[in-house]
């Protein structure tokens, strides 16, 4: 990926980069399938690939390039990627999804790791 994004941000993404770094595998799809509405499935997928590539969840999960949202929608068979705008309408959704992603993928926060190392 290009360097222009900087830490915790996305840079411009080419189609090759999207296909290489943002492909949803079977495990991802299984977790995503647990969401009923398209906007929740797309937002959940966006959080998975964001934490995987940036190493962190974004304060606003929708702060991602449109081409990434479109690519994820394409993979999930969602025709209107703009539905993702509804994802953050309920404030707790993004947090609950982030917690689930952390749990399912065995991710730890910096504070958790720091506490373990200090013990």
N, C-alpha and C. Protein backbone atom coordinates (compact mmCIF):
# COMPACT_ATOMS: atom_id res chain seq x y z
N UNK A 1 0.84 -1.17 0.00
CA UNK A 1 0.00 0.00 0.00
C UNK A 1 0.89 1.24 0.00
N UNK A 2 0.34 2.33 -0.46
CA UNK A 2 1.14 3.55 -0.56
C UNK A 2 1.41 4.14 0.81
N UNK A 3 2.46 4.94 0.90
CA UNK A 3 2.84 5.56 2.16
C UNK A 3 2.04 6.81 2.48
N UNK A 4 1.29 7.33 1.53
CA UNK A 4 0.63 8.61 1.73
C UNK A 4 -0.45 8.57 2.80
N UNK A 5 -0.92 7.40 3.19
CA UNK A 5 -1.96 7.32 4.19
C UNK A 5 -1.47 7.66 5.58
N UNK A 6 -0.26 7.26 5.93
CA UNK A 6 0.25 7.51 7.27
C UNK A 6 -0.36 6.55 8.27
N UNK A 7 0.13 6.61 9.50
CA UNK A 7 -0.36 5.70 10.54
C UNK A 7 -1.82 5.98 10.86
N UNK A 8 -2.62 4.93 10.88
CA UNK A 8 -4.02 5.05 11.24
C UNK A 8 -4.90 5.69 10.19
N UNK A 9 -4.40 5.79 8.96
CA UNK A 9 -5.19 6.35 7.88
C UNK A 9 -4.96 5.57 6.60
N UNK A 10 -5.94 5.60 5.75
CA UNK A 10 -5.81 4.96 4.45
C UNK A 10 -5.26 5.96 3.44
N UNK A 11 -4.42 5.48 2.55
CA UNK A 11 -4.00 6.27 1.40
C UNK A 11 -4.87 5.87 0.22
N UNK A 12 -4.50 6.32 -0.96
CA UNK A 12 -5.21 5.91 -2.17
C UNK A 12 -4.99 4.41 -2.37
N UNK A 13 -6.03 3.73 -2.81
CA UNK A 13 -5.96 2.28 -2.99
C UNK A 13 -6.22 1.91 -4.44
N UNK A 14 -5.32 1.14 -5.01
CA UNK A 14 -5.53 0.65 -6.38
C UNK A 14 -6.37 -0.63 -6.32
N UNK A 15 -6.85 -1.04 -7.46
CA UNK A 15 -7.62 -2.29 -7.53
C UNK A 15 -6.75 -3.47 -7.10
N UNK A 16 -5.50 -3.47 -7.49
CA UNK A 16 -4.58 -4.55 -7.11
C UNK A 16 -4.43 -4.59 -5.58
N UNK A 17 -4.27 -3.44 -4.96
CA UNK A 17 -4.15 -3.38 -3.50
C UNK A 17 -5.43 -3.84 -2.82
N UNK A 18 -6.57 -3.44 -3.35
CA UNK A 18 -7.84 -3.88 -2.77
C UNK A 18 -7.93 -5.40 -2.80
N UNK A 19 -7.62 -5.98 -3.94
CA UNK A 19 -7.72 -7.44 -4.09
C UNK A 19 -6.70 -8.17 -3.23
N UNK A 20 -5.56 -7.57 -3.04
CA UNK A 20 -4.49 -8.22 -2.29
C UNK A 20 -4.66 -8.10 -0.78
N UNK A 21 -5.05 -6.92 -0.32
CA UNK A 21 -5.07 -6.66 1.12
C UNK A 21 -6.45 -6.64 1.76
N UNK A 22 -7.50 -6.58 0.98
CA UNK A 22 -8.84 -6.41 1.55
C UNK A 22 -9.82 -7.50 1.15
N UNK A 23 -9.29 -8.64 0.78
CA UNK A 23 -10.12 -9.79 0.42
C UNK A 23 -10.73 -10.37 1.70
N UNK A 24 -12.02 -10.67 1.65
CA UNK A 24 -12.71 -11.29 2.78
C UNK A 24 -12.65 -12.81 2.62
N UNK A 25 -12.04 -13.49 3.58
CA UNK A 25 -11.94 -14.95 3.50
C UNK A 25 -13.17 -15.60 4.12
N UNK A 26 -13.19 -16.92 4.14
CA UNK A 26 -14.36 -17.66 4.63
C UNK A 26 -14.67 -17.36 6.09
N UNK A 27 -13.64 -17.22 6.91
CA UNK A 27 -13.86 -16.90 8.33
C UNK A 27 -14.49 -15.52 8.47
N UNK A 28 -14.00 -14.56 7.70
CA UNK A 28 -14.58 -13.21 7.71
C UNK A 28 -16.05 -13.27 7.31
N UNK A 29 -16.32 -13.96 6.23
CA UNK A 29 -17.68 -14.03 5.70
C UNK A 29 -18.64 -14.70 6.67
N UNK A 30 -18.14 -15.69 7.40
CA UNK A 30 -18.99 -16.37 8.38
C UNK A 30 -19.40 -15.40 9.49
N UNK A 31 -18.46 -14.60 9.97
CA UNK A 31 -18.77 -13.61 11.00
C UNK A 31 -19.71 -12.53 10.46
N UNK A 32 -19.43 -12.07 9.27
CA UNK A 32 -20.22 -11.01 8.65
C UNK A 32 -21.65 -11.47 8.41
N UNK A 33 -21.82 -12.73 8.06
CA UNK A 33 -23.15 -13.27 7.76
C UNK A 33 -24.10 -13.21 8.95
N UNK A 34 -23.56 -13.06 10.14
CA UNK A 34 -24.39 -12.95 11.34
C UNK A 34 -25.14 -11.63 11.44
N UNK A 35 -24.84 -10.69 10.59
CA UNK A 35 -25.53 -9.39 10.59
C UNK A 35 -26.70 -9.48 9.61
N UNK A 36 -27.83 -8.94 10.00
CA UNK A 36 -29.02 -9.05 9.15
C UNK A 36 -29.10 -8.01 8.05
N UNK A 37 -28.79 -6.80 8.38
CA UNK A 37 -28.97 -5.72 7.41
C UNK A 37 -27.68 -5.47 6.61
N UNK A 38 -27.86 -5.04 5.38
CA UNK A 38 -26.71 -4.78 4.51
C UNK A 38 -25.74 -3.78 5.12
N UNK A 39 -26.27 -2.69 5.70
CA UNK A 39 -25.37 -1.67 6.25
C UNK A 39 -24.58 -2.20 7.43
N UNK A 40 -25.14 -3.11 8.21
CA UNK A 40 -24.38 -3.70 9.31
C UNK A 40 -23.34 -4.70 8.80
N UNK A 41 -23.69 -5.44 7.78
CA UNK A 41 -22.72 -6.38 7.20
C UNK A 41 -21.54 -5.62 6.59
N UNK A 42 -21.85 -4.55 5.88
CA UNK A 42 -20.81 -3.75 5.24
C UNK A 42 -19.95 -3.02 6.28
N UNK A 43 -20.57 -2.44 7.28
CA UNK A 43 -19.82 -1.76 8.34
C UNK A 43 -18.94 -2.72 9.13
N UNK A 44 -19.47 -3.90 9.42
CA UNK A 44 -18.70 -4.93 10.14
C UNK A 44 -17.49 -5.34 9.31
N UNK A 45 -17.70 -5.57 8.02
CA UNK A 45 -16.59 -5.93 7.12
C UNK A 45 -15.55 -4.81 7.07
N UNK A 46 -16.01 -3.58 7.04
CA UNK A 46 -15.11 -2.44 7.01
C UNK A 46 -14.24 -2.40 8.27
N UNK A 47 -14.83 -2.71 9.41
CA UNK A 47 -14.06 -2.73 10.66
C UNK A 47 -13.04 -3.87 10.65
N UNK A 48 -13.42 -5.03 10.12
CA UNK A 48 -12.47 -6.16 10.05
C UNK A 48 -11.24 -5.77 9.23
N UNK A 49 -11.46 -5.27 8.03
CA UNK A 49 -10.31 -4.97 7.17
C UNK A 49 -9.52 -3.76 7.67
N UNK A 50 -10.19 -2.84 8.34
CA UNK A 50 -9.49 -1.67 8.88
C UNK A 50 -8.51 -2.08 9.96
N UNK A 51 -8.98 -2.86 10.94
CA UNK A 51 -8.08 -3.25 12.03
C UNK A 51 -6.98 -4.17 11.51
N UNK A 52 -7.30 -4.96 10.52
CA UNK A 52 -6.30 -5.86 9.95
C UNK A 52 -5.19 -5.08 9.23
N UNK A 53 -5.55 -4.03 8.51
CA UNK A 53 -4.56 -3.30 7.72
C UNK A 53 -3.92 -2.12 8.46
N UNK A 54 -4.69 -1.44 9.30
CA UNK A 54 -4.15 -0.27 9.99
C UNK A 54 -3.67 -0.59 11.41
N UNK A 55 -4.08 -1.75 11.92
CA UNK A 55 -3.69 -2.13 13.27
C UNK A 55 -4.51 -1.44 14.34
N UNK A 56 -5.60 -0.84 13.95
CA UNK A 56 -6.46 -0.13 14.90
C UNK A 56 -7.84 0.06 14.28
N UNK A 57 -8.82 0.28 15.16
CA UNK A 57 -10.15 0.65 14.70
C UNK A 57 -10.18 2.16 14.56
N UNK A 58 -10.87 2.65 13.56
CA UNK A 58 -11.00 4.09 13.38
C UNK A 58 -12.09 4.62 14.31
N UNK A 59 -11.92 5.84 14.82
CA UNK A 59 -12.95 6.47 15.65
C UNK A 59 -14.26 6.53 14.86
N UNK A 60 -14.16 6.84 13.59
CA UNK A 60 -15.31 6.80 12.69
C UNK A 60 -15.04 5.72 11.65
N UNK A 61 -15.70 4.56 11.80
CA UNK A 61 -15.46 3.46 10.86
C UNK A 61 -15.69 3.81 9.40
N UNK A 62 -16.46 4.87 9.16
CA UNK A 62 -16.77 5.25 7.79
C UNK A 62 -15.71 6.16 7.19
N UNK A 63 -14.66 6.45 7.94
CA UNK A 63 -13.57 7.29 7.45
C UNK A 63 -12.60 6.43 6.63
N UNK A 64 -13.14 5.87 5.57
CA UNK A 64 -12.39 4.96 4.70
C UNK A 64 -12.66 5.37 3.25
N UNK A 65 -11.74 5.07 2.36
CA UNK A 65 -11.93 5.43 0.96
C UNK A 65 -13.17 4.76 0.35
N UNK A 66 -13.85 5.51 -0.48
CA UNK A 66 -15.04 5.00 -1.15
C UNK A 66 -14.74 3.73 -1.93
N UNK A 67 -13.56 3.67 -2.56
CA UNK A 67 -13.23 2.47 -3.35
C UNK A 67 -13.14 1.23 -2.46
N UNK A 68 -12.75 1.40 -1.21
CA UNK A 68 -12.71 0.26 -0.28
C UNK A 68 -14.12 -0.18 0.08
N UNK A 69 -14.98 0.77 0.38
CA UNK A 69 -16.37 0.44 0.71
C UNK A 69 -17.03 -0.26 -0.47
N UNK A 70 -16.81 0.26 -1.67
CA UNK A 70 -17.38 -0.36 -2.88
C UNK A 70 -16.85 -1.77 -3.09
N UNK A 71 -15.56 -1.98 -2.85
CA UNK A 71 -14.96 -3.30 -3.04
C UNK A 71 -15.54 -4.30 -2.04
N UNK A 72 -15.72 -3.90 -0.80
CA UNK A 72 -16.31 -4.80 0.19
C UNK A 72 -17.76 -5.10 -0.17
N UNK A 73 -18.50 -4.08 -0.60
CA UNK A 73 -19.90 -4.29 -1.00
C UNK A 73 -19.97 -5.28 -2.16
N UNK A 74 -19.07 -5.15 -3.09
CA UNK A 74 -19.00 -6.07 -4.24
C UNK A 74 -18.80 -7.51 -3.75
N UNK A 75 -17.88 -7.70 -2.82
CA UNK A 75 -17.61 -9.05 -2.30
C UNK A 75 -18.82 -9.63 -1.57
N UNK A 76 -19.59 -8.76 -0.92
CA UNK A 76 -20.72 -9.21 -0.12
C UNK A 76 -22.03 -9.25 -0.91
N UNK A 77 -21.99 -8.85 -2.17
CA UNK A 77 -23.20 -8.85 -2.98
C UNK A 77 -24.19 -7.76 -2.58
N UNK A 78 -23.68 -6.66 -2.06
CA UNK A 78 -24.52 -5.52 -1.67
C UNK A 78 -24.48 -4.52 -2.81
N UNK A 79 -25.64 -4.27 -3.40
CA UNK A 79 -25.70 -3.43 -4.59
C UNK A 79 -25.48 -1.95 -4.32
N UNK A 80 -25.99 -1.45 -3.20
CA UNK A 80 -25.89 -0.02 -2.89
C UNK A 80 -24.96 0.19 -1.70
N UNK A 81 -23.70 0.48 -1.99
CA UNK A 81 -22.72 0.64 -0.91
C UNK A 81 -22.98 1.87 -0.05
N UNK A 82 -23.78 2.80 -0.55
CA UNK A 82 -24.08 4.00 0.24
C UNK A 82 -24.91 3.68 1.48
N UNK A 83 -25.47 2.48 1.55
CA UNK A 83 -26.24 2.08 2.73
C UNK A 83 -25.37 2.09 3.99
N UNK A 84 -24.04 2.01 3.81
CA UNK A 84 -23.12 1.97 4.96
C UNK A 84 -23.24 3.23 5.81
N UNK A 85 -23.78 4.30 5.25
CA UNK A 85 -23.96 5.54 6.02
C UNK A 85 -24.83 5.31 7.25
N UNK A 86 -25.70 4.31 7.20
CA UNK A 86 -26.58 4.00 8.32
C UNK A 86 -25.85 3.26 9.45
N UNK A 87 -24.67 2.77 9.18
CA UNK A 87 -23.94 1.92 10.12
C UNK A 87 -23.70 2.60 11.47
N UNK A 88 -23.42 3.87 11.47
CA UNK A 88 -23.08 4.56 12.71
C UNK A 88 -24.26 5.30 13.34
N UNK A 89 -25.46 5.08 12.83
CA UNK A 89 -26.63 5.75 13.41
C UNK A 89 -26.85 5.34 14.86
N UNK A 90 -26.64 4.09 15.17
CA UNK A 90 -26.72 3.60 16.55
C UNK A 90 -25.29 3.59 17.08
N UNK A 91 -25.02 4.44 18.04
CA UNK A 91 -23.64 4.66 18.52
C UNK A 91 -22.96 3.38 19.01
N UNK A 92 -23.70 2.51 19.67
CA UNK A 92 -23.09 1.32 20.27
C UNK A 92 -22.72 0.25 19.25
N UNK A 93 -23.31 0.29 18.07
CA UNK A 93 -23.07 -0.76 17.08
C UNK A 93 -21.59 -0.90 16.75
N UNK A 94 -20.93 0.20 16.44
CA UNK A 94 -19.51 0.12 16.06
C UNK A 94 -18.66 -0.43 17.20
N UNK A 95 -19.00 -0.07 18.44
CA UNK A 95 -18.24 -0.56 19.59
C UNK A 95 -18.49 -2.05 19.82
N UNK A 96 -19.74 -2.45 19.75
CA UNK A 96 -20.07 -3.87 19.93
C UNK A 96 -19.41 -4.72 18.85
N UNK A 97 -19.41 -4.23 17.63
CA UNK A 97 -18.77 -4.96 16.54
C UNK A 97 -17.26 -5.01 16.73
N UNK A 98 -16.66 -3.92 17.17
CA UNK A 98 -15.21 -3.91 17.42
C UNK A 98 -14.85 -4.92 18.51
N UNK A 99 -15.64 -4.97 19.58
CA UNK A 99 -15.38 -5.93 20.65
C UNK A 99 -15.49 -7.36 20.13
N UNK A 100 -16.52 -7.62 19.31
CA UNK A 100 -16.68 -8.96 18.75
C UNK A 100 -15.51 -9.33 17.84
N UNK A 101 -15.08 -8.40 17.02
CA UNK A 101 -13.94 -8.66 16.13
C UNK A 101 -12.68 -8.93 16.95
N UNK A 102 -12.46 -8.15 18.00
CA UNK A 102 -11.30 -8.39 18.87
C UNK A 102 -11.35 -9.79 19.47
N UNK A 103 -12.51 -10.16 19.96
CA UNK A 103 -12.68 -11.47 20.60
C UNK A 103 -12.49 -12.60 19.59
N UNK A 104 -13.14 -12.51 18.45
CA UNK A 104 -13.11 -13.59 17.46
C UNK A 104 -11.73 -13.77 16.82
N UNK A 105 -11.00 -12.69 16.66
CA UNK A 105 -9.69 -12.77 16.02
C UNK A 105 -8.54 -12.77 17.02
N UNK A 106 -8.87 -12.76 18.31
CA UNK A 106 -7.84 -12.81 19.35
C UNK A 106 -6.97 -11.57 19.40
N UNK A 107 -7.55 -10.42 19.12
CA UNK A 107 -6.80 -9.17 19.13
C UNK A 107 -6.79 -8.57 20.53
N UNK A 108 -5.72 -7.90 20.87
CA UNK A 108 -5.60 -7.22 22.16
C UNK A 108 -5.37 -5.74 21.94
N UNK A 109 -5.85 -4.95 22.88
CA UNK A 109 -5.59 -3.51 22.79
C UNK A 109 -4.20 -3.23 23.35
N UNK A 110 -3.67 -2.08 23.02
CA UNK A 110 -2.36 -1.68 23.52
C UNK A 110 -2.36 -1.67 25.04
N UNK A 111 -3.42 -1.16 25.66
CA UNK A 111 -3.50 -1.08 27.12
C UNK A 111 -3.45 -2.47 27.75
N UNK A 112 -4.11 -3.45 27.12
CA UNK A 112 -4.10 -4.82 27.65
C UNK A 112 -2.70 -5.42 27.59
N UNK A 113 -2.02 -5.22 26.49
CA UNK A 113 -0.67 -5.76 26.32
C UNK A 113 0.28 -5.06 27.29
N UNK A 114 0.14 -3.76 27.42
CA UNK A 114 1.00 -3.00 28.33
C UNK A 114 0.82 -3.48 29.76
N UNK A 115 -0.43 -3.74 30.18
CA UNK A 115 -0.70 -4.24 31.53
C UNK A 115 -0.08 -5.62 31.74
N UNK A 116 -0.17 -6.48 30.73
CA UNK A 116 0.43 -7.82 30.83
C UNK A 116 1.94 -7.74 30.97
N UNK A 117 2.56 -6.86 30.22
CA UNK A 117 4.01 -6.72 30.28
C UNK A 117 4.48 -6.12 31.60
N UNK A 118 3.66 -5.26 32.18
CA UNK A 118 4.02 -4.62 33.45
C UNK A 118 3.87 -5.57 34.63
N UNK A 119 3.05 -6.61 34.47
CA UNK A 119 2.78 -7.54 35.59
C UNK A 119 3.94 -8.48 35.84
